[in-house]
Protein backbone atom coordinates (compact mmCIF):
# COMPACT_ATOMS: atom_id res chain seq x y z
CA MET A 1 247.27 -111.98 194.80
CA ARG A 2 245.50 -111.58 191.49
CA ILE A 3 248.27 -109.96 189.43
CA VAL A 4 247.99 -108.64 185.88
CA ILE A 5 251.26 -108.36 183.99
CA ALA A 6 250.48 -105.41 181.72
CA GLY A 7 252.75 -106.11 178.79
CA ALA A 8 253.70 -109.75 178.32
CA GLY A 9 257.17 -109.40 176.78
CA SER A 10 260.49 -110.80 177.98
CA ILE A 11 260.49 -109.28 181.49
CA GLY A 12 256.73 -109.72 181.87
CA CYS A 13 256.69 -113.38 180.87
CA PHE A 14 259.74 -114.32 182.94
CA CYS A 15 258.63 -112.54 186.10
CA GLY A 16 254.98 -113.45 185.59
CA GLY A 17 255.90 -117.10 185.23
CA LEU A 18 257.91 -117.13 188.46
CA LEU A 19 255.12 -115.28 190.30
CA ALA A 20 252.60 -117.88 189.09
CA LEU A 21 254.88 -120.74 190.14
CA GLY A 22 255.17 -118.99 193.52
CA GLY A 23 251.41 -119.21 194.06
CA HIS A 24 249.99 -115.96 192.66
CA ASP A 25 247.05 -115.83 190.25
CA VAL A 26 248.76 -114.31 187.21
CA THR A 27 247.24 -112.91 184.03
CA LEU A 28 249.53 -112.11 181.11
CA LEU A 29 248.08 -109.23 179.10
CA GLY A 30 249.77 -109.11 175.72
CA ARG A 31 249.61 -109.55 171.98
CA ALA A 32 247.80 -112.51 170.40
CA PRO A 33 250.75 -114.13 168.53
CA LEU A 34 252.92 -114.38 171.64
CA LEU A 35 250.08 -115.56 173.85
CA ALA A 36 249.16 -118.19 171.25
CA ARG A 37 252.67 -119.63 171.52
CA ILE A 38 252.39 -119.73 175.31
CA GLY A 39 248.96 -121.34 174.99
CA ALA A 40 250.40 -124.04 172.74
CA HIS A 41 253.68 -124.72 174.55
CA GLY A 42 253.28 -123.41 178.09
CA LEU A 43 255.97 -121.17 179.53
CA ARG A 44 259.57 -122.32 179.97
CA LEU A 45 261.91 -120.28 182.17
CA SER A 46 265.68 -120.71 182.34
CA ASP A 47 268.65 -118.72 183.56
CA TYR A 48 272.45 -118.46 183.70
CA GLY A 49 272.53 -120.43 186.96
CA GLY A 50 270.81 -123.55 185.64
CA LEU A 51 267.17 -122.69 186.33
CA ASP A 52 264.90 -124.74 184.07
CA LEU A 53 261.20 -124.62 184.86
CA HIS A 54 258.08 -125.31 182.82
CA LEU A 55 254.70 -123.80 183.54
CA GLY A 56 251.65 -125.22 181.79
CA ALA A 57 249.38 -122.71 180.07
CA ASP A 58 246.59 -123.82 182.42
CA ARG A 59 248.53 -122.21 185.30
CA LEU A 60 248.14 -118.76 183.70
CA THR A 61 245.37 -116.57 182.36
CA LEU A 62 246.23 -115.29 178.87
CA ALA A 63 244.45 -112.14 177.76
CA THR A 64 244.57 -109.73 174.82
CA ASP A 65 241.65 -107.63 176.11
CA PRO A 66 242.62 -105.00 178.72
CA ALA A 67 239.24 -105.60 180.37
CA CYS A 68 241.10 -108.34 182.30
CA LEU A 69 242.54 -105.50 184.40
CA ALA A 70 239.18 -105.29 186.18
CA GLN A 71 240.11 -108.37 188.24
CA ALA A 72 243.55 -107.11 189.29
CA GLU A 73 244.61 -106.68 192.90
CA LEU A 74 248.01 -105.57 191.59
CA VAL A 75 249.13 -104.37 188.15
CA ILE A 76 252.75 -104.73 187.06
CA VAL A 77 253.51 -102.66 183.97
CA THR A 78 256.25 -104.14 181.78
CA VAL A 79 255.60 -102.55 178.38
CA LYS A 80 258.33 -100.55 176.62
CA THR A 81 258.24 -96.77 177.02
CA PRO A 82 256.44 -95.99 173.72
CA ALA A 83 253.45 -98.09 174.90
CA THR A 84 253.18 -96.68 178.44
CA ALA A 85 250.59 -93.99 177.66
CA GLU A 86 248.27 -96.50 176.00
CA MET A 87 248.63 -98.95 178.89
CA ALA A 88 247.97 -96.17 181.43
CA SER A 89 244.70 -95.39 179.63
CA ALA A 90 243.69 -99.05 179.79
CA ILE A 91 244.47 -99.16 183.52
CA ALA A 92 242.46 -95.98 184.10
CA THR A 93 239.49 -97.49 182.26
CA HIS A 94 239.49 -101.00 183.69
CA ALA A 95 241.64 -101.52 186.81
CA PRO A 96 240.22 -100.95 190.31
CA ALA A 97 241.46 -97.72 191.86
CA SER A 98 242.55 -99.74 194.90
CA ALA A 99 245.04 -101.85 192.90
CA PRO A 100 248.65 -100.66 193.24
CA VAL A 101 250.48 -100.17 189.95
CA LEU A 102 254.16 -101.10 189.76
CA SER A 103 256.41 -99.97 186.90
CA TRP A 104 259.01 -102.64 186.11
CA GLN A 105 260.35 -100.61 183.19
CA ASN A 106 263.59 -98.92 182.19
CA GLY A 107 264.26 -95.26 182.90
CA LEU A 108 262.27 -92.80 184.99
CA GLU A 109 259.85 -91.46 182.37
CA ASN A 110 257.45 -94.40 182.64
CA THR A 111 256.63 -93.83 186.30
CA ARG A 112 256.14 -90.12 185.59
CA GLN A 113 253.69 -90.94 182.81
CA LEU A 114 251.77 -93.41 184.96
CA ARG A 115 251.45 -90.91 187.82
CA ALA A 116 250.33 -88.14 185.49
CA ARG A 117 247.70 -90.32 183.83
CA LEU A 118 246.55 -92.19 186.96
CA PRO A 119 246.19 -89.50 189.64
CA GLY A 120 245.28 -90.62 193.13
CA ARG A 121 246.47 -94.19 192.63
CA ASP A 122 249.31 -96.04 194.36
CA ILE A 123 251.93 -95.85 191.60
CA ARG A 124 255.36 -97.22 192.48
CA ALA A 125 258.57 -97.22 190.55
CA GLY A 126 260.62 -100.38 190.32
CA MET A 127 264.03 -101.44 189.09
CA VAL A 128 264.62 -104.76 187.34
CA PRO A 129 268.40 -105.24 187.12
CA PHE A 130 268.58 -108.41 185.07
CA ASN A 131 268.42 -109.04 181.34
CA VAL A 132 265.87 -111.51 179.87
CA VAL A 133 266.13 -112.84 176.33
CA PRO A 134 263.65 -114.91 174.30
CA LEU A 135 264.70 -118.42 173.31
CA GLY A 136 262.55 -120.75 171.24
CA GLU A 137 258.77 -120.78 170.98
CA ALA A 138 257.87 -119.79 174.53
CA THR A 139 261.12 -119.80 176.48
CA TRP A 140 262.55 -116.82 178.35
CA HIS A 141 266.10 -116.88 179.69
CA ARG A 142 267.43 -114.65 182.48
CA ALA A 143 270.91 -113.80 181.25
CA SER A 144 272.31 -111.65 184.06
CA SER A 145 272.05 -111.32 187.83
CA GLY A 146 270.44 -108.96 190.34
CA ASP A 147 267.32 -108.54 192.47
CA ILE A 148 264.26 -106.40 191.79
CA VAL A 149 263.78 -103.27 193.90
CA ILE A 150 260.48 -101.36 194.27
CA ALA A 151 259.53 -98.17 196.07
CA ALA A 152 258.71 -98.69 199.71
CA GLY A 153 255.05 -98.31 200.64
CA PRO A 154 252.09 -99.84 202.43
CA GLY A 155 251.00 -103.43 202.06
CA GLY A 156 254.35 -105.23 202.26
CA LEU A 157 254.43 -105.72 198.49
CA GLY A 158 258.11 -106.59 198.38
CA ALA A 159 257.65 -109.49 200.75
CA ALA A 160 254.39 -110.57 199.09
CA LEU A 161 256.00 -110.64 195.65
CA THR A 162 259.16 -112.45 196.75
CA VAL A 163 258.96 -116.01 195.43
CA PRO A 164 261.63 -118.64 194.70
CA GLY A 165 263.98 -117.26 192.06
CA LEU A 166 262.57 -113.73 192.29
CA PRO A 167 263.53 -111.70 195.38
CA VAL A 168 261.84 -108.28 195.55
CA ALA A 169 263.18 -105.64 197.96
CA GLU A 170 261.72 -102.25 198.90
CA SER A 171 263.68 -98.99 199.00
CA LEU A 172 263.05 -95.52 200.35
CA ARG A 173 265.49 -94.19 197.70
CA ILE A 174 263.95 -95.71 194.61
CA GLU A 175 264.71 -92.73 192.34
CA ALA A 176 268.40 -92.90 193.24
CA VAL A 177 268.26 -96.64 192.48
CA GLN A 178 266.57 -95.93 189.14
CA TRP A 179 269.21 -93.36 188.21
CA GLY A 180 271.90 -95.90 189.06
CA LYS A 181 270.25 -98.43 186.75
CA LEU A 182 269.81 -95.82 184.02
CA VAL A 183 273.54 -95.05 184.05
CA ILE A 184 274.27 -98.77 183.60
CA ASN A 185 271.53 -99.09 180.98
CA LEU A 186 273.22 -96.48 178.80
CA ASN A 187 275.25 -99.44 177.55
CA ASN A 188 272.08 -100.96 176.04
CA ALA A 189 272.53 -98.68 173.04
CA LEU A 190 276.28 -99.30 172.71
CA ASN A 191 275.68 -103.04 172.81
CA ALA A 192 272.95 -102.74 170.17
CA LEU A 193 275.23 -100.72 167.89
CA SER A 194 278.11 -103.19 168.33
CA GLY A 195 276.34 -106.38 167.29
CA LEU A 196 278.30 -108.16 170.03
CA THR A 197 277.13 -110.16 173.01
CA LEU A 198 277.58 -108.42 176.35
CA VAL A 199 280.36 -110.83 177.28
CA GLN A 200 282.22 -110.11 174.03
CA GLN A 201 281.78 -106.38 174.55
CA LEU A 202 282.99 -106.50 178.17
CA ALA A 203 286.02 -108.58 177.16
CA ASP A 204 287.23 -105.79 174.85
CA ARG A 205 288.97 -102.96 176.71
CA SER A 206 288.31 -100.46 173.92
CA TRP A 207 284.56 -101.03 174.27
CA ARG A 208 284.84 -100.80 178.06
CA ARG A 209 286.63 -97.47 177.76
CA LEU A 210 283.80 -96.12 175.60
CA MET A 211 281.26 -97.48 178.12
CA ALA A 212 283.22 -95.77 180.90
CA ALA A 213 283.40 -92.46 179.06
CA GLN A 214 279.65 -92.49 178.49
CA MET A 215 278.96 -93.33 182.14
CA ALA A 216 281.35 -90.62 183.34
CA GLU A 217 279.55 -88.12 181.09
CA ALA A 218 276.21 -89.10 182.60
CA LEU A 219 277.49 -88.99 186.18
CA ALA A 220 278.85 -85.46 185.55
CA VAL A 221 275.40 -84.38 184.38
CA LEU A 222 273.74 -85.91 187.44
CA ARG A 223 276.23 -84.21 189.77
CA ALA A 224 275.48 -80.85 188.14
CA ALA A 225 271.76 -81.52 188.58
CA GLU A 226 272.36 -82.56 192.23
CA ILE A 227 270.62 -85.88 191.61
CA PRO A 228 271.71 -88.72 193.93
CA VAL A 229 272.69 -92.01 192.33
CA ALA A 230 272.52 -95.35 194.15
CA ALA A 231 274.70 -98.16 192.81
CA THR A 232 273.05 -101.33 191.52
CA THR A 233 276.28 -103.25 192.19
CA PRO A 234 278.22 -103.77 195.46
CA LEU A 235 280.54 -100.82 194.68
CA PRO A 236 279.65 -97.09 194.59
CA ALA A 237 278.36 -95.84 191.23
CA TRP A 238 281.27 -93.45 190.69
CA THR A 239 283.78 -96.32 190.77
CA THR A 240 282.28 -98.20 187.82
CA PRO A 241 283.94 -96.12 185.05
CA HIS A 242 287.32 -96.67 186.75
CA ILE A 243 286.72 -100.42 186.93
CA LEU A 244 285.70 -100.57 183.25
CA ARG A 245 288.98 -98.90 182.25
CA LEU A 246 291.15 -101.49 184.04
CA PRO A 247 293.31 -103.95 182.08
CA ASN A 248 291.50 -107.15 181.18
CA THR A 249 293.01 -109.32 183.93
CA LEU A 250 292.05 -106.94 186.74
CA PHE A 251 288.65 -106.14 185.26
CA THR A 252 287.72 -109.80 184.90
CA ARG A 253 288.66 -110.52 188.51
CA ILE A 254 286.62 -107.63 189.93
CA ALA A 255 283.65 -107.95 187.58
CA ALA A 256 283.21 -111.62 188.44
CA ARG A 257 282.33 -110.58 192.00
CA MET A 258 279.85 -107.90 190.90
CA LEU A 259 277.78 -109.35 188.08
CA THR A 260 277.00 -112.63 186.36
CA VAL A 261 276.33 -112.42 182.62
CA ASP A 262 275.31 -115.30 180.40
CA PRO A 263 277.59 -115.75 177.33
CA SER A 264 274.58 -115.33 175.00
CA ALA A 265 273.22 -112.14 176.58
CA ARG A 266 272.63 -109.03 174.49
CA SER A 267 270.77 -105.86 175.40
CA SER A 268 267.03 -105.57 174.85
CA MET A 269 267.73 -102.66 172.50
CA ALA A 270 269.65 -105.03 170.21
CA TYR A 271 266.52 -107.19 169.98
CA ASP A 272 264.41 -104.08 169.34
CA LEU A 273 266.60 -103.13 166.37
CA GLU A 274 266.47 -106.69 165.03
CA ALA A 275 262.67 -106.71 165.24
CA GLY A 276 262.24 -103.22 163.77
CA ARG A 277 260.66 -101.92 166.97
CA MET A 278 260.96 -98.46 168.48
CA THR A 279 263.69 -98.32 171.11
CA GLU A 280 263.82 -96.71 174.54
CA ILE A 281 266.70 -94.41 173.63
CA ALA A 282 264.69 -91.29 174.57
CA SER A 283 264.26 -92.64 178.11
CA LEU A 284 267.95 -93.51 178.51
CA GLN A 285 270.46 -91.31 176.64
CA GLY A 286 267.62 -88.84 176.07
CA GLU A 287 267.27 -88.24 179.83
CA ILE A 288 270.97 -87.41 180.15
CA ILE A 289 270.93 -85.16 177.07
CA ARG A 290 267.92 -83.18 178.37
CA LEU A 291 269.46 -82.78 181.83
CA GLY A 292 272.78 -81.79 180.31
CA ARG A 293 271.13 -79.00 178.34
CA ALA A 294 269.27 -77.79 181.42
CA HIS A 295 272.50 -77.61 183.47
CA ASP A 296 274.89 -76.53 180.71
CA VAL A 297 276.87 -79.78 180.69
CA ALA A 298 277.98 -81.12 177.31
CA THR A 299 276.88 -84.67 176.40
CA PRO A 300 278.70 -85.47 173.15
CA ILE A 301 278.83 -89.24 173.66
CA CYS A 302 275.17 -89.69 174.63
CA SER A 303 274.15 -87.38 171.78
CA ARG A 304 276.20 -89.32 169.24
CA VAL A 305 274.91 -92.68 170.46
CA ALA A 306 271.28 -91.48 170.42
CA ALA A 307 271.68 -90.20 166.85
CA LEU A 308 273.16 -93.54 165.72
CA ILE A 309 270.32 -95.52 167.34
CA ASP A 310 267.72 -93.24 165.72
CA ALA A 311 269.43 -93.75 162.34
CA ALA A 312 269.53 -97.54 162.81
CA THR A 313 265.85 -97.57 163.82
CA HIS A 314 264.92 -95.56 160.72
CA ASP A 315 267.07 -97.79 158.51
CA GLY A 316 265.36 -100.95 159.82
CA ALA A 317 268.26 -103.25 158.97
CA GLY A 318 268.97 -104.38 162.53
CA PRO A 319 272.08 -103.74 164.65
CA PRO A 320 274.61 -101.93 162.44
CA ARG A 321 277.71 -103.67 163.94
CA LEU A 322 279.77 -100.52 164.33
CA THR A 323 283.27 -100.28 165.76
CA VAL A 324 284.31 -98.14 168.71
CA ALA A 325 286.00 -95.72 166.31
CA GLN A 326 282.77 -95.33 164.34
CA ILE A 327 280.80 -94.49 167.48
CA ALA A 328 283.18 -92.33 169.52
CA PRO A 329 282.58 -88.64 168.73
CA PRO A 330 285.54 -86.69 167.30
CA GLY A 331 287.94 -85.53 169.98
């Protein structure tokens, strides 16, 4: 397929590179400085399991002009939430109405925006479970495990997009899957505030207890709203807070069977704070806070974390390296 990756960042470059290596005709639509580095060095992809692949720039089409969307048979949107409205306008202007649009973005707000701005088109939510971090000039490293899931629909897109190193499954319960990922992704903000790697954070039981308390708060909100949640790990979603609270020895044994995390991995929100970019806090903690208000369920932890991320974003000094005691709300 002729695929346009609408937003060549970490997820877009990593997935786009694997799709190109798998035989698809891939265009990376992104910003000039990043594309210039790919043009000069090609694209190198690595991961926690030893993957190490190089893709020459001649195997990709690099574009800064959204007019490239006119050639798309499939559009995969990978921009951050603040840029979704602008990308939707570009798709509306340039992309063929027959081209499905997949959202490989965090949260649920992005798919809502795309559907509202692109009526009548095949818009499908997706869930990307793994973390990708930039390394070097044009290297992207997959730092955690998991397979992509997209909404079920016509055309067999899951099977068509499945290439070596990138399985893509389809689900009839994609919103429940997205909510499950959102609950896990609430830790993005905690990790960004901590200044730690994910492995360091998970090794500290005090951090895990705060992670668990935030997840339990979110799950209580979702129960009150009668929103189903599908786990993104082998165990049911409601068990995850209990597992996080376990002593280190037990937690390490169970977690090793559920998730692989590279020692260098940090959340994408940590990189956003370092780069002075807007974060996706409104699409993560913000979703839980809004639902909590609507259903009269208190969300003190999510509210505190969101306020701290907003303050760090405004300050512009990068991750503030706070302790658990500095983050946990009184009481």
